[in-house]
Amino acid sequence: ATLKDIVAHGGKVVAPRFEVKGVVVLGLFTDP
């Protein structure tokens, strides 16, 4: 949901939501 907000406000998705098993859930983006 946050990546969608980022795109809506001028940012770009670099990596959509992904899981690192046993560690973390993350996503990557660039701001405007």
PDB file of all heavy atoms in Angstrom:
ATOM      1  N   ALA A   1       0.836  -1.209   0.000  1.00  0.00           N
ATOM      2  CA  ALA A   1       0.000   0.000   0.000  1.00  0.00           C
ATOM      3  C   ALA A   1       0.869   1.257   0.000  1.00  0.00           C
ATOM      4  O   ALA A   1       0.566   2.235  -0.688  1.00  0.00           O
ATOM      5  CB  ALA A   1      -0.929   0.000   1.211  1.00  0.00           C
ATOM      6  N   THR A   2       1.962   1.238   0.745  1.00  0.00           N
ATOM      7  CA  THR A   2       2.839   2.407   0.803  1.00  0.00           C
ATOM      8  C   THR A   2       3.526   2.636  -0.534  1.00  0.00           C
ATOM      9  O   THR A   2       3.680   3.786  -0.972  1.00  0.00           O
ATOM     10  CB  THR A   2       3.865   2.263   1.939  1.00  0.00           C
ATOM     11  OG1 THR A   2       3.162   2.044   3.175  1.00  0.00           O
ATOM     12  CG2 THR A   2       4.730   3.509   2.063  1.00  0.00           C
ATOM     13  N   LEU A   3       3.927   1.574  -1.219  1.00  0.00           N
ATOM     14  CA  LEU A   3       4.528   1.729  -2.546  1.00  0.00           C
ATOM     15  C   LEU A   3       3.537   2.364  -3.523  1.00  0.00           C
ATOM     16  O   LEU A   3       3.924   3.182  -4.359  1.00  0.00           O
ATOM     17  CB  LEU A   3       5.044   0.394  -3.072  1.00  0.00           C
ATOM     18  CG  LEU A   3       6.313  -0.138  -2.388  1.00  0.00           C
ATOM     19  CD1 LEU A   3       6.598  -1.571  -2.831  1.00  0.00           C
ATOM     20  CD2 LEU A   3       7.505   0.765  -2.649  1.00  0.00           C
ATOM     21  N   LYS A   4       2.248   2.035  -3.395  1.00  0.00           N
ATOM     22  CA  LYS A   4       1.223   2.673  -4.236  1.00  0.00           C
ATOM     23  C   LYS A   4       1.149   4.166  -3.935  1.00  0.00           C
ATOM     24  O   LYS A   4       1.059   4.986  -4.854  1.00  0.00           O
ATOM     25  CB  LYS A   4      -0.144   2.014  -4.021  1.00  0.00           C
ATOM     26  CG  LYS A   4      -0.251   0.637  -4.639  1.00  0.00           C
ATOM     27  CD  LYS A   4      -1.614   0.018  -4.388  1.00  0.00           C
ATOM     28  CE  LYS A   4      -1.645  -1.402  -4.923  1.00  0.00           C
ATOM     29  NZ  LYS A   4      -2.896  -2.093  -4.606  1.00  0.00           N
ATOM     30  N   ASP A   5       1.209   4.542  -2.645  1.00  0.00           N
ATOM     31  CA  ASP A   5       1.213   5.961  -2.261  1.00  0.00           C
ATOM     32  C   ASP A   5       2.448   6.671  -2.804  1.00  0.00           C
ATOM     33  O   ASP A   5       2.376   7.818  -3.243  1.00  0.00           O
ATOM     34  CB  ASP A   5       1.203   6.119  -0.738  1.00  0.00           C
ATOM     35  CG  ASP A   5      -0.158   5.887  -0.115  1.00  0.00           C
ATOM     36  OD1 ASP A   5      -1.161   5.842  -0.868  1.00  0.00           O
ATOM     37  OD2 ASP A   5      -0.222   5.761   1.117  1.00  0.00           O
ATOM     38  N   ILE A   6       3.564   5.986  -2.763  1.00  0.00           N
ATOM     39  CA  ILE A   6       4.822   6.561  -3.249  1.00  0.00           C
ATOM     40  C   ILE A   6       4.705   6.910  -4.730  1.00  0.00           C
ATOM     41  O   ILE A   6       5.047   8.011  -5.150  1.00  0.00           O
ATOM     42  CB  ILE A   6       5.991   5.597  -2.977  1.00  0.00           C
ATOM     43  CG1 ILE A   6       6.310   5.620  -1.474  1.00  0.00           C
ATOM     44  CG2 ILE A   6       7.214   5.914  -3.827  1.00  0.00           C
ATOM     45  CD1 ILE A   6       7.191   4.492  -1.000  1.00  0.00           C
ATOM     46  N   VAL A   7       4.190   5.981  -5.516  1.00  0.00           N
ATOM     47  CA  VAL A   7       4.015   6.220  -6.956  1.00  0.00           C
ATOM     48  C   VAL A   7       3.010   7.352  -7.183  1.00  0.00           C
ATOM     49  O   VAL A   7       3.238   8.228  -8.024  1.00  0.00           O
ATOM     50  CB  VAL A   7       3.577   4.920  -7.670  1.00  0.00           C
ATOM     51  CG1 VAL A   7       3.165   5.191  -9.102  1.00  0.00           C
ATOM     52  CG2 VAL A   7       4.705   3.883  -7.620  1.00  0.00           C
ATOM     53  N   ALA A   8       1.928   7.358  -6.418  1.00  0.00           N
ATOM     54  CA  ALA A   8       0.912   8.401  -6.564  1.00  0.00           C
ATOM     55  C   ALA A   8       1.452   9.795  -6.256  1.00  0.00           C
ATOM     56  O   ALA A   8       0.906  10.786  -6.730  1.00  0.00           O
ATOM     57  CB  ALA A   8      -0.282   8.096  -5.656  1.00  0.00           C
ATOM     58  N   HIS A   9       2.537   9.868  -5.482  1.00  0.00           N
ATOM     59  CA  HIS A   9       3.096  11.168  -5.102  1.00  0.00           C
ATOM     60  C   HIS A   9       4.437  11.460  -5.772  1.00  0.00           C
ATOM     61  O   HIS A   9       5.198  12.311  -5.321  1.00  0.00           O
ATOM     62  CB  HIS A   9       3.217  11.260  -3.581  1.00  0.00           C
ATOM     63  CG  HIS A   9       1.882  11.342  -2.920  1.00  0.00           C
ATOM     64  ND1 HIS A   9       1.207  10.229  -2.476  1.00  0.00           N
ATOM     65  CD2 HIS A   9       1.071  12.393  -2.680  1.00  0.00           C
ATOM     66  CE1 HIS A   9       0.051  10.593  -1.973  1.00  0.00           C
ATOM     67  NE2 HIS A   9      -0.065  11.911  -2.083  1.00  0.00           N
ATOM     68  N   GLY A  10       4.726  10.750  -6.873  1.00  0.00           N
ATOM     69  CA  GLY A  10       5.896  11.086  -7.685  1.00  0.00           C
ATOM     70  C   GLY A  10       7.135  10.242  -7.476  1.00  0.00           C
ATOM     71  O   GLY A  10       8.151  10.462  -8.120  1.00  0.00           O
ATOM     72  N   GLY A  11       7.084   9.268  -6.589  1.00  0.00           N
ATOM     73  CA  GLY A  11       8.217   8.368  -6.395  1.00  0.00           C
ATOM     74  C   GLY A  11       8.139   7.192  -7.362  1.00  0.00           C
ATOM     75  O   GLY A  11       7.175   7.061  -8.122  1.00  0.00           O
ATOM     76  N   LYS A  12       9.162   6.344  -7.348  1.00  0.00           N
ATOM     77  CA  LYS A  12       9.197   5.175  -8.229  1.00  0.00           C
ATOM     78  C   LYS A  12       9.532   3.921  -7.438  1.00  0.00           C
ATOM     79  O   LYS A  12      10.369   3.951  -6.532  1.00  0.00           O
ATOM     80  CB  LYS A  12      10.253   5.366  -9.312  1.00  0.00           C
ATOM     81  CG  LYS A  12       9.939   6.494 -10.259  1.00  0.00           C
ATOM     82  CD  LYS A  12      11.010   6.650 -11.304  1.00  0.00           C
ATOM     83  CE  LYS A  12      10.649   7.828 -12.203  1.00  0.00           C
ATOM     84  NZ  LYS A  12      11.749   8.255 -13.042  1.00  0.00           N
ATOM     85  N   VAL A  13       8.892   2.817  -7.797  1.00  0.00           N
ATOM     86  CA  VAL A  13       9.184   1.529  -7.163  1.00  0.00           C
ATOM     87  C   VAL A  13      10.435   0.944  -7.811  1.00  0.00           C
ATOM     88  O   VAL A  13      10.518   0.826  -9.028  1.00  0.00           O
ATOM     89  CB  VAL A  13       7.996   0.545  -7.313  1.00  0.00           C
ATOM     90  CG1 VAL A  13       8.363  -0.833  -6.786  1.00  0.00           C
ATOM     91  CG2 VAL A  13       6.761   1.096  -6.615  1.00  0.00           C
ATOM     92  N   VAL A  14      11.406   0.582  -6.981  1.00  0.00           N
ATOM     93  CA  VAL A  14      12.626  -0.073  -7.453  1.00  0.00           C
ATOM     94  C   VAL A  14      12.476  -1.578  -7.310  1.00  0.00           C
ATOM     95  O   VAL A  14      12.854  -2.337  -8.199  1.00  0.00           O
ATOM     96  CB  VAL A  14      13.857   0.427  -6.657  1.00  0.00           C
ATOM     97  CG1 VAL A  14      15.108  -0.359  -7.019  1.00  0.00           C
ATOM     98  CG2 VAL A  14      14.065   1.917  -6.888  1.00  0.00           C
ATOM     99  N   ALA A  15      11.909  -2.017  -6.185  1.00  0.00           N
ATOM    100  CA  ALA A  15      11.634  -3.439  -5.945  1.00  0.00           C
ATOM    101  C   ALA A  15      10.321  -3.531  -5.188  1.00  0.00           C
ATOM    102  O   ALA A  15      10.186  -2.962  -4.104  1.00  0.00           O
ATOM    103  CB  ALA A  15      12.750  -4.081  -5.137  1.00  0.00           C
ATOM    104  N   PRO A  16       9.332  -4.242  -5.748  1.00  0.00           N
ATOM    105  CA  PRO A  16       8.061  -4.387  -5.034  1.00  0.00           C
ATOM    106  C   PRO A  16       8.262  -5.218  -3.764  1.00  0.00           C
ATOM    107  O   PRO A  16       9.334  -5.784  -3.545  1.00  0.00           O
ATOM    108  CB  PRO A  16       7.171  -5.110  -6.038  1.00  0.00           C
ATOM    109  CG  PRO A  16       8.097  -5.786  -6.968  1.00  0.00           C
ATOM    110  CD  PRO A  16       9.353  -4.967  -7.000  1.00  0.00           C
ATOM    111  N   ARG A  17       7.222  -5.287  -2.963  1.00  0.00           N
ATOM    112  CA  ARG A  17       7.269  -6.032  -1.693  1.00  0.00           C
ATOM    113  C   ARG A  17       7.879  -7.410  -1.922  1.00  0.00           C
ATOM    114  O   ARG A  17       7.483  -8.137  -2.815  1.00  0.00           O
ATOM    115  CB  ARG A  17       5.858  -6.170  -1.134  1.00  0.00           C
ATOM    116  CG  ARG A  17       5.789  -6.867   0.214  1.00  0.00           C
ATOM    117  CD  ARG A  17       4.325  -7.114   0.597  1.00  0.00           C
ATOM    118  NE  ARG A  17       4.172  -7.611   1.937  1.00  0.00           N
ATOM    119  CZ  ARG A  17       4.303  -8.895   2.286  1.00  0.00           C
ATOM    120  NH1 ARG A  17       4.606  -9.815   1.382  1.00  0.00           N
ATOM    121  NH2 ARG A  17       4.133  -9.261   3.559  1.00  0.00           N
ATOM    122  N   PHE A  18       8.873  -7.749  -1.087  1.00  0.00           N
ATOM    123  CA  PHE A  18       9.452  -9.087  -1.121  1.00  0.00           C
ATOM    124  C   PHE A  18       9.849  -9.503   0.285  1.00  0.00           C
ATOM    125  O   PHE A  18       9.985  -8.683   1.177  1.00  0.00           O
ATOM    126  CB  PHE A  18      10.638  -9.182  -2.088  1.00  0.00           C
ATOM    127  CG  PHE A  18      11.836  -8.333  -1.743  1.00  0.00           C
ATOM    128  CD1 PHE A  18      12.940  -8.876  -1.098  1.00  0.00           C
ATOM    129  CD2 PHE A  18      11.871  -6.996  -2.095  1.00  0.00           C
ATOM    130  CE1 PHE A  18      14.042  -8.103  -0.798  1.00  0.00           C
ATOM    131  CE2 PHE A  18      12.979  -6.207  -1.804  1.00  0.00           C
ATOM    132  CZ  PHE A  18      14.078  -6.762  -1.145  1.00  0.00           C
ATOM    133  N   GLU A  19       9.971 -10.813   0.466  1.00  0.00           N
ATOM    134  CA  GLU A  19      10.286 -11.361   1.780  1.00  0.00           C
ATOM    135  C   GLU A  19      11.679 -11.970   1.781  1.00  0.00           C
ATOM    136  O   GLU A  19      12.052 -12.653   0.833  1.00  0.00           O
ATOM    137  CB  GLU A  19       9.273 -12.441   2.161  1.00  0.00           C
ATOM    138  CG  GLU A  19       7.852 -11.926   2.280  1.00  0.00           C
ATOM    139  CD  GLU A  19       6.849 -13.019   2.661  1.00  0.00           C
ATOM    140  OE1 GLU A  19       7.235 -14.220   2.728  1.00  0.00           O
ATOM    141  OE2 GLU A  19       5.683 -12.667   2.895  1.00  0.00           O
ATOM    142  N   VAL A  20      12.402 -11.709   2.848  1.00  0.00           N
ATOM    143  CA  VAL A  20      13.653 -12.413   3.115  1.00  0.00           C
ATOM    144  C   VAL A  20      13.294 -13.350   4.257  1.00  0.00           C
ATOM    145  O   VAL A  20      13.119 -12.917   5.404  1.00  0.00           O
ATOM    146  CB  VAL A  20      14.787 -11.437   3.509  1.00  0.00           C
ATOM    147  CG1 VAL A  20      16.063 -12.216   3.798  1.00  0.00           C
ATOM    148  CG2 VAL A  20      15.013 -10.398   2.413  1.00  0.00           C
ATOM    149  N   LYS A  21      13.084 -14.623   3.923  1.00  0.00           N
ATOM    150  CA  LYS A  21      12.567 -15.601   4.889  1.00  0.00           C
ATOM    151  C   LYS A  21      13.358 -15.600   6.192  1.00  0.00           C
ATOM    152  O   LYS A  21      14.581 -15.625   6.188  1.00  0.00           O
ATOM    153  CB  LYS A  21      12.593 -17.018   4.294  1.00  0.00           C
ATOM    154  CG  LYS A  21      11.657 -17.203   3.119  1.00  0.00           C
ATOM    155  CD  LYS A  21      10.218 -17.154   3.552  1.00  0.00           C
ATOM    156  CE  LYS A  21       9.306 -17.415   2.365  1.00  0.00           C
ATOM    157  NZ  LYS A  21       7.967 -16.971   2.577  1.00  0.00           N
ATOM    158  N   GLY A  22      12.611 -15.525   7.287  1.00  0.00           N
ATOM    159  CA  GLY A  22      13.209 -15.531   8.607  1.00  0.00           C
ATOM    160  C   GLY A  22      13.858 -14.216   9.014  1.00  0.00           C
ATOM    161  O   GLY A  22      14.431 -14.117  10.090  1.00  0.00           O
ATOM    162  N   VAL A  23      13.768 -13.177   8.149  1.00  0.00           N
ATOM    163  CA  VAL A  23      14.448 -11.920   8.458  1.00  0.00           C
ATOM    164  C   VAL A  23      13.517 -10.717   8.407  1.00  0.00           C
ATOM    165  O   VAL A  23      13.318 -10.035   9.406  1.00  0.00           O
ATOM    166  CB  VAL A  23      15.653 -11.688   7.510  1.00  0.00           C
ATOM    167  CG1 VAL A  23      16.373 -10.392   7.863  1.00  0.00           C
ATOM    168  CG2 VAL A  23      16.614 -12.864   7.560  1.00  0.00           C
ATOM    169  N   VAL A  24      12.931 -10.427   7.210  1.00  0.00           N
ATOM    170  CA  VAL A  24      12.215  -9.167   7.048  1.00  0.00           C
ATOM    171  C   VAL A  24      11.339  -9.185   5.794  1.00  0.00           C
ATOM    172  O   VAL A  24      11.565  -9.988   4.882  1.00  0.00           O
ATOM    173  CB  VAL A  24      13.231  -7.993   6.964  1.00  0.00           C
ATOM    174  CG1 VAL A  24      14.022  -8.037   5.680  1.00  0.00           C
ATOM    175  CG2 VAL A  24      12.585  -6.641   7.150  1.00  0.00           C
ATOM    176  N   VAL A  25      10.354  -8.288   5.756  1.00  0.00           N
ATOM    177  CA  VAL A  25       9.547  -8.017   4.560  1.00  0.00           C
ATOM    178  C   VAL A  25       9.869  -6.585   4.165  1.00  0.00           C
ATOM    179  O   VAL A  25       9.811  -5.678   4.989  1.00  0.00           O
ATOM    180  CB  VAL A  25       8.030  -8.139   4.857  1.00  0.00           C
ATOM    181  CG1 VAL A  25       7.213  -7.742   3.633  1.00  0.00           C
ATOM    182  CG2 VAL A  25       7.687  -9.544   5.314  1.00  0.00           C
ATOM    183  N   LEU A  26      10.248  -6.374   2.898  1.00  0.00           N
ATOM    184  CA  LEU A  26      10.606  -5.024   2.486  1.00  0.00           C
ATOM    185  C   LEU A  26      10.257  -4.709   1.058  1.00  0.00           C
ATOM    186  O   LEU A  26       9.785  -5.549   0.307  1.00  0.00           O
ATOM    187  CB  LEU A  26      12.095  -4.734   2.738  1.00  0.00           C
ATOM    188  CG  LEU A  26      13.115  -5.774   2.399  1.00  0.00           C
ATOM    189  CD1 LEU A  26      14.134  -5.280   1.405  1.00  0.00           C
ATOM    190  CD2 LEU A  26      13.845  -6.060   3.693  1.00  0.00           C
ATOM    191  N   GLY A  27      10.477  -3.459   0.696  1.00  0.00           N
ATOM    192  CA  GLY A  27      10.305  -2.951  -0.655  1.00  0.00           C
ATOM    193  C   GLY A  27      11.269  -1.786  -0.820  1.00  0.00           C
ATOM    194  O   GLY A  27      11.692  -1.189   0.169  1.00  0.00           O
ATOM    195  N   LEU A  28      11.632  -1.480  -2.060  1.00  0.00           N
ATOM    196  CA  LEU A  28      12.580  -0.398  -2.323  1.00  0.00           C
ATOM    197  C   LEU A  28      11.974   0.607  -3.283  1.00  0.00           C
ATOM    198  O   LEU A  28      11.217   0.241  -4.182  1.00  0.00           O
ATOM    199  CB  LEU A  28      13.873  -0.966  -2.917  1.00  0.00           C
ATOM    200  CG  LEU A  28      14.597  -2.012  -2.058  1.00  0.00           C
ATOM    201  CD1 LEU A  28      15.754  -2.622  -2.835  1.00  0.00           C
ATOM    202  CD2 LEU A  28      15.078  -1.404  -0.754  1.00  0.00           C
ATOM    203  N   PHE A  29      12.322   1.884  -3.096  1.00  0.00           N
ATOM    204  CA  PHE A  29      11.789   2.937  -3.948  1.00  0.00           C
ATOM    205  C   PHE A  29      12.778   4.073  -4.056  1.00  0.00           C
ATOM    206  O   PHE A  29      13.760   4.134  -3.319  1.00  0.00           O
ATOM    207  CB  PHE A  29      10.445   3.439  -3.406  1.00  0.00           C
ATOM    208  CG  PHE A  29      10.543   4.234  -2.124  1.00  0.00           C
ATOM    209  CD1 PHE A  29      10.588   5.629  -2.145  1.00  0.00           C
ATOM    210  CD2 PHE A  29      10.571   3.595  -0.893  1.00  0.00           C
ATOM    211  CE1 PHE A  29      10.657   6.356  -0.971  1.00  0.00           C
ATOM    212  CE2 PHE A  29      10.647   4.321   0.285  1.00  0.00           C
ATOM    213  CZ  PHE A  29      10.687   5.711   0.251  1.00  0.00           C
ATOM    214  N   THR A  30      12.504   4.987  -4.974  1.00  0.00           N
ATOM    215  CA  THR A  30      13.204   6.266  -5.011  1.00  0.00           C
ATOM    216  C   THR A  30      12.169   7.363  -4.808  1.00  0.00           C
ATOM    217  O   THR A  30      11.028   7.248  -5.271  1.00  0.00           O
ATOM    218  CB  THR A  30      13.964   6.503  -6.339  1.00  0.00           C
ATOM    219  OG1 THR A  30      13.059   6.402  -7.436  1.00  0.00           O
ATOM    220  CG2 THR A  30      15.104   5.510  -6.514  1.00  0.00           C
ATOM    221  N   ASP A  31      12.574   8.406  -4.099  1.00  0.00           N
ATOM    222  CA  ASP A  31      11.683   9.545  -3.904  1.00  0.00           C
ATOM    223  C   ASP A  31      11.695  10.399  -5.173  1.00  0.00           C
ATOM    224  O   ASP A  31      12.421  10.082  -6.123  1.00  0.00           O
ATOM    225  CB  ASP A  31      12.061  10.321  -2.636  1.00  0.00           C
ATOM    226  CG  ASP A  31      13.381  11.069  -2.725  1.00  0.00           C
ATOM    227  OD1 ASP A  31      13.965  11.188  -3.817  1.00  0.00           O
ATOM    228  OD2 ASP A  31      13.839  11.548  -1.676  1.00  0.00           O
ATOM    229  N   PRO A  32      10.902  11.458  -5.249  1.00  0.00           N
ATOM    230  CA  PRO A  32      10.850  12.264  -6.473  1.00  0.00           C
ATOM    231  C   PRO A  32      12.208  12.839  -6.907  1.00  0.00           C
ATOM    232  O   PRO A  32      12.414  13.101  -8.088  1.00  0.00           O
ATOM    233  CB  PRO A  32       9.873  13.394  -6.126  1.00  0.00           C
ATOM    234  CG  PRO A  32       8.972  12.791  -5.101  1.00  0.00           C
ATOM    235  CD  PRO A  32       9.878  11.898  -4.284  1.00  0.00           C
TER     236      PRO A  32
END
